[in-house]
Amino acid sequence: MYACDHRYRRRPEFSLDPVIRQAGSTFAQLPPSAVDAAIARLRADPDSGAWHHRHSDLLGQQSMDYGYRLLIAGT
């Protein structure tokens, strides 16, 4: 994810690893209480299949536009 946060869109359980979370800027910018709450929900999802059920549309996509753009200024 990461570690860029977009890489693990098909494998959200990787976000359960604190080392991976620390490598992603998304988690670093959030308050710890928000991260802890989200991780608690995500931790239950692999066993129940809830995440895959809610986001099944993402699993079938081969590509996704995350809005990243590279701007190069001319001189």
N, C-alpha and C. Protein backbone atom coordinates (compact mmCIF):
# COMPACT_ATOMS: atom_id res chain seq x y z
N MET A 1 0.94 -0.66 0.00
CA MET A 1 0.00 0.00 0.00
C MET A 1 1.20 0.84 0.00
N TYR A 2 4.23 0.67 1.61
CA TYR A 2 3.27 0.70 0.65
C TYR A 2 3.82 0.77 -0.25
N ALA A 3 5.86 1.75 0.38
CA ALA A 3 4.60 1.53 0.38
C ALA A 3 3.64 2.61 0.07
N CYS A 4 3.12 2.64 -1.13
CA CYS A 4 2.16 3.66 -1.56
C CYS A 4 0.77 3.15 -1.29
N ASP A 5 -0.09 3.99 -0.84
CA ASP A 5 -1.40 3.56 -0.38
C ASP A 5 -2.25 2.91 -1.46
N HIS A 6 -2.02 3.22 -2.71
CA HIS A 6 -2.83 2.66 -3.79
C HIS A 6 -2.46 1.22 -4.12
N ARG A 7 -1.26 0.79 -3.82
CA ARG A 7 -0.81 -0.53 -4.24
C ARG A 7 -1.59 -1.68 -3.63
N TYR A 8 -2.09 -1.50 -2.43
CA TYR A 8 -2.76 -2.60 -1.75
C TYR A 8 -4.27 -2.51 -1.84
N ARG A 9 -4.78 -1.85 -2.86
CA ARG A 9 -6.23 -1.71 -2.95
C ARG A 9 -6.91 -3.06 -3.05
N ARG A 10 -6.24 -4.05 -3.58
CA ARG A 10 -6.82 -5.39 -3.66
C ARG A 10 -6.46 -6.25 -2.45
N ARG A 11 -5.55 -5.77 -1.63
CA ARG A 11 -5.11 -6.52 -0.45
C ARG A 11 -5.09 -5.61 0.77
N PRO A 12 -6.24 -5.15 1.22
CA PRO A 12 -6.28 -4.20 2.32
C PRO A 12 -5.72 -4.76 3.62
N GLU A 13 -5.67 -6.07 3.73
CA GLU A 13 -5.14 -6.67 4.96
C GLU A 13 -3.67 -6.31 5.18
N PHE A 14 -2.96 -5.90 4.13
CA PHE A 14 -1.58 -5.47 4.30
C PHE A 14 -1.50 -4.22 5.17
N SER A 15 -2.56 -3.45 5.21
CA SER A 15 -2.58 -2.24 6.04
C SER A 15 -2.61 -2.57 7.52
N LEU A 16 -2.84 -3.83 7.87
CA LEU A 16 -2.81 -4.23 9.27
C LEU A 16 -1.39 -4.24 9.82
N ASP A 17 -0.41 -4.31 8.94
CA ASP A 17 1.00 -4.34 9.35
C ASP A 17 1.44 -2.92 9.69
N PRO A 18 1.86 -2.66 10.94
CA PRO A 18 2.26 -1.30 11.33
C PRO A 18 3.44 -0.76 10.52
N VAL A 19 4.34 -1.63 10.09
CA VAL A 19 5.49 -1.17 9.29
C VAL A 19 5.01 -0.63 7.95
N ILE A 20 4.07 -1.31 7.34
CA ILE A 20 3.52 -0.85 6.06
C ILE A 20 2.75 0.44 6.25
N ARG A 21 1.97 0.53 7.32
CA ARG A 21 1.22 1.76 7.58
C ARG A 21 2.15 2.95 7.77
N GLN A 22 3.26 2.76 8.46
CA GLN A 22 4.19 3.86 8.70
C GLN A 22 4.86 4.33 7.42
N ALA A 23 4.91 3.48 6.41
CA ALA A 23 5.54 3.85 5.15
C ALA A 23 4.61 4.63 4.23
N GLY A 24 3.32 4.67 4.55
CA GLY A 24 2.36 5.36 3.70
C GLY A 24 1.98 6.72 4.24
N SER A 25 2.00 7.71 3.40
CA SER A 25 1.72 9.07 3.85
C SER A 25 0.27 9.27 4.30
N THR A 26 -0.65 8.50 3.76
CA THR A 26 -2.05 8.65 4.15
C THR A 26 -2.23 8.43 5.64
N PHE A 27 -1.68 7.36 6.15
CA PHE A 27 -1.82 7.05 7.57
C PHE A 27 -1.06 8.06 8.42
N ALA A 28 0.07 8.53 7.95
CA ALA A 28 0.88 9.46 8.73
C ALA A 28 0.18 10.79 8.95
N GLN A 29 -0.72 11.17 8.05
CA GLN A 29 -1.39 12.46 8.15
C GLN A 29 -2.67 12.41 8.98
N LEU A 30 -3.10 11.23 9.35
CA LEU A 30 -4.34 11.09 10.12
C LEU A 30 -4.07 11.03 11.61
N PRO A 31 -5.02 11.47 12.42
CA PRO A 31 -4.85 11.35 13.86
C PRO A 31 -4.82 9.87 14.25
N PRO A 32 -3.99 9.49 15.20
CA PRO A 32 -3.89 8.09 15.60
C PRO A 32 -5.24 7.47 15.97
N SER A 33 -6.13 8.24 16.57
CA SER A 33 -7.44 7.68 16.94
C SER A 33 -8.24 7.26 15.71
N ALA A 34 -8.13 8.01 14.62
CA ALA A 34 -8.83 7.66 13.39
C ALA A 34 -8.23 6.41 12.76
N VAL A 35 -6.91 6.33 12.78
CA VAL A 35 -6.23 5.15 12.23
C VAL A 35 -6.59 3.92 13.05
N ASP A 36 -6.55 4.04 14.37
CA ASP A 36 -6.86 2.90 15.24
C ASP A 36 -8.27 2.38 15.00
N ALA A 37 -9.23 3.28 14.85
CA ALA A 37 -10.62 2.88 14.61
C ALA A 37 -10.76 2.17 13.26
N ALA A 38 -10.12 2.70 12.24
CA ALA A 38 -10.20 2.09 10.91
C ALA A 38 -9.53 0.73 10.88
N ILE A 39 -8.39 0.62 11.54
CA ILE A 39 -7.66 -0.65 11.57
C ILE A 39 -8.47 -1.70 12.34
N ALA A 40 -9.15 -1.30 13.39
CA ALA A 40 -9.99 -2.24 14.14
C ALA A 40 -11.09 -2.81 13.24
N ARG A 41 -11.71 -1.94 12.42
CA ARG A 41 -12.75 -2.41 11.50
C ARG A 41 -12.15 -3.32 10.43
N LEU A 42 -11.01 -2.90 9.89
CA LEU A 42 -10.37 -3.68 8.84
C LEU A 42 -9.91 -5.04 9.35
N ARG A 43 -9.46 -5.09 10.58
CA ARG A 43 -8.98 -6.34 11.16
C ARG A 43 -10.09 -7.41 11.16
N ALA A 44 -11.33 -7.01 11.34
CA ALA A 44 -12.45 -7.96 11.35
C ALA A 44 -12.87 -8.37 9.94
N ASP A 45 -12.58 -7.55 8.95
CA ASP A 45 -13.06 -7.79 7.59
C ASP A 45 -12.51 -9.03 6.89
N PRO A 46 -11.21 -9.35 6.98
CA PRO A 46 -10.73 -10.53 6.24
C PRO A 46 -11.45 -11.82 6.65
N ASP A 47 -11.73 -11.95 7.92
CA ASP A 47 -12.40 -13.17 8.38
C ASP A 47 -13.86 -13.21 7.93
N SER A 48 -14.52 -12.07 7.95
CA SER A 48 -15.94 -12.03 7.59
C SER A 48 -16.16 -11.87 6.09
N GLY A 49 -15.15 -11.38 5.37
CA GLY A 49 -15.30 -11.11 3.94
C GLY A 49 -16.02 -9.81 3.66
N ALA A 50 -16.25 -8.99 4.70
CA ALA A 50 -17.02 -7.75 4.54
C ALA A 50 -16.36 -6.77 3.58
N TRP A 51 -15.05 -6.60 3.68
CA TRP A 51 -14.37 -5.63 2.80
C TRP A 51 -14.52 -6.06 1.35
N HIS A 52 -14.24 -7.32 1.06
CA HIS A 52 -14.34 -7.80 -0.31
C HIS A 52 -15.77 -7.69 -0.84
N HIS A 53 -16.73 -7.90 0.00
CA HIS A 53 -18.13 -7.76 -0.42
C HIS A 53 -18.47 -6.30 -0.73
N ARG A 54 -18.05 -5.38 0.15
CA ARG A 54 -18.35 -3.95 -0.05
C ARG A 54 -17.62 -3.38 -1.25
N HIS A 55 -16.43 -3.88 -1.54
CA HIS A 55 -15.59 -3.28 -2.58
C HIS A 55 -15.30 -4.24 -3.73
N SER A 56 -16.20 -5.14 -4.01
CA SER A 56 -15.97 -6.12 -5.07
C SER A 56 -15.76 -5.47 -6.43
N ASP A 57 -16.32 -4.28 -6.63
CA ASP A 57 -16.12 -3.58 -7.90
C ASP A 57 -14.66 -3.19 -8.11
N LEU A 58 -13.93 -2.93 -7.04
CA LEU A 58 -12.51 -2.58 -7.16
C LEU A 58 -11.65 -3.79 -7.51
N LEU A 59 -12.05 -4.94 -7.03
CA LEU A 59 -11.23 -6.14 -7.21
C LEU A 59 -11.11 -6.55 -8.67
N GLY A 60 -12.11 -6.27 -9.47
CA GLY A 60 -12.08 -6.66 -10.86
C GLY A 60 -11.39 -5.68 -11.79
N GLN A 61 -11.08 -4.51 -11.30
CA GLN A 61 -10.47 -3.49 -12.15
C GLN A 61 -8.97 -3.74 -12.30
N GLN A 62 -8.49 -3.64 -13.53
CA GLN A 62 -7.07 -3.83 -13.79
C GLN A 62 -6.28 -2.54 -13.61
N SER A 63 -6.95 -1.40 -13.69
CA SER A 63 -6.27 -0.12 -13.51
C SER A 63 -7.23 0.86 -12.85
N MET A 64 -6.66 1.92 -12.31
CA MET A 64 -7.47 2.92 -11.62
C MET A 64 -6.72 4.26 -11.66
N ASP A 65 -7.45 5.33 -11.91
CA ASP A 65 -6.85 6.66 -11.92
C ASP A 65 -6.95 7.25 -10.51
N TYR A 66 -5.81 7.42 -9.87
CA TYR A 66 -5.78 7.97 -8.52
C TYR A 66 -5.59 9.48 -8.52
N GLY A 67 -5.52 10.07 -9.70
CA GLY A 67 -5.41 11.51 -9.79
C GLY A 67 -3.99 12.03 -9.67
N TYR A 68 -3.01 11.14 -9.64
CA TYR A 68 -1.62 11.60 -9.54
C TYR A 68 -1.23 12.26 -10.86
N ARG A 69 -0.59 13.38 -10.78
CA ARG A 69 -0.13 14.09 -11.97
C ARG A 69 1.28 14.61 -11.74
N LEU A 70 2.08 14.59 -12.77
CA LEU A 70 3.43 15.12 -12.70
C LEU A 70 3.45 16.41 -13.51
N LEU A 71 3.77 17.49 -12.86
CA LEU A 71 3.85 18.79 -13.52
C LEU A 71 5.30 19.20 -13.64
N ILE A 72 5.69 19.60 -14.82
CA ILE A 72 7.06 20.05 -15.05
C ILE A 72 6.99 21.49 -15.53
N ALA A 73 7.61 22.37 -14.78
CA ALA A 73 7.60 23.79 -15.12
C ALA A 73 8.74 24.08 -16.10
N GLY A 74 8.41 24.84 -17.13
CA GLY A 74 9.44 25.23 -18.09
C GLY A 74 10.15 26.48 -17.61
N THR A 75 11.29 26.74 -18.19
CA THR A 75 12.04 27.94 -17.81
C THR A 75 11.88 29.02 -18.83
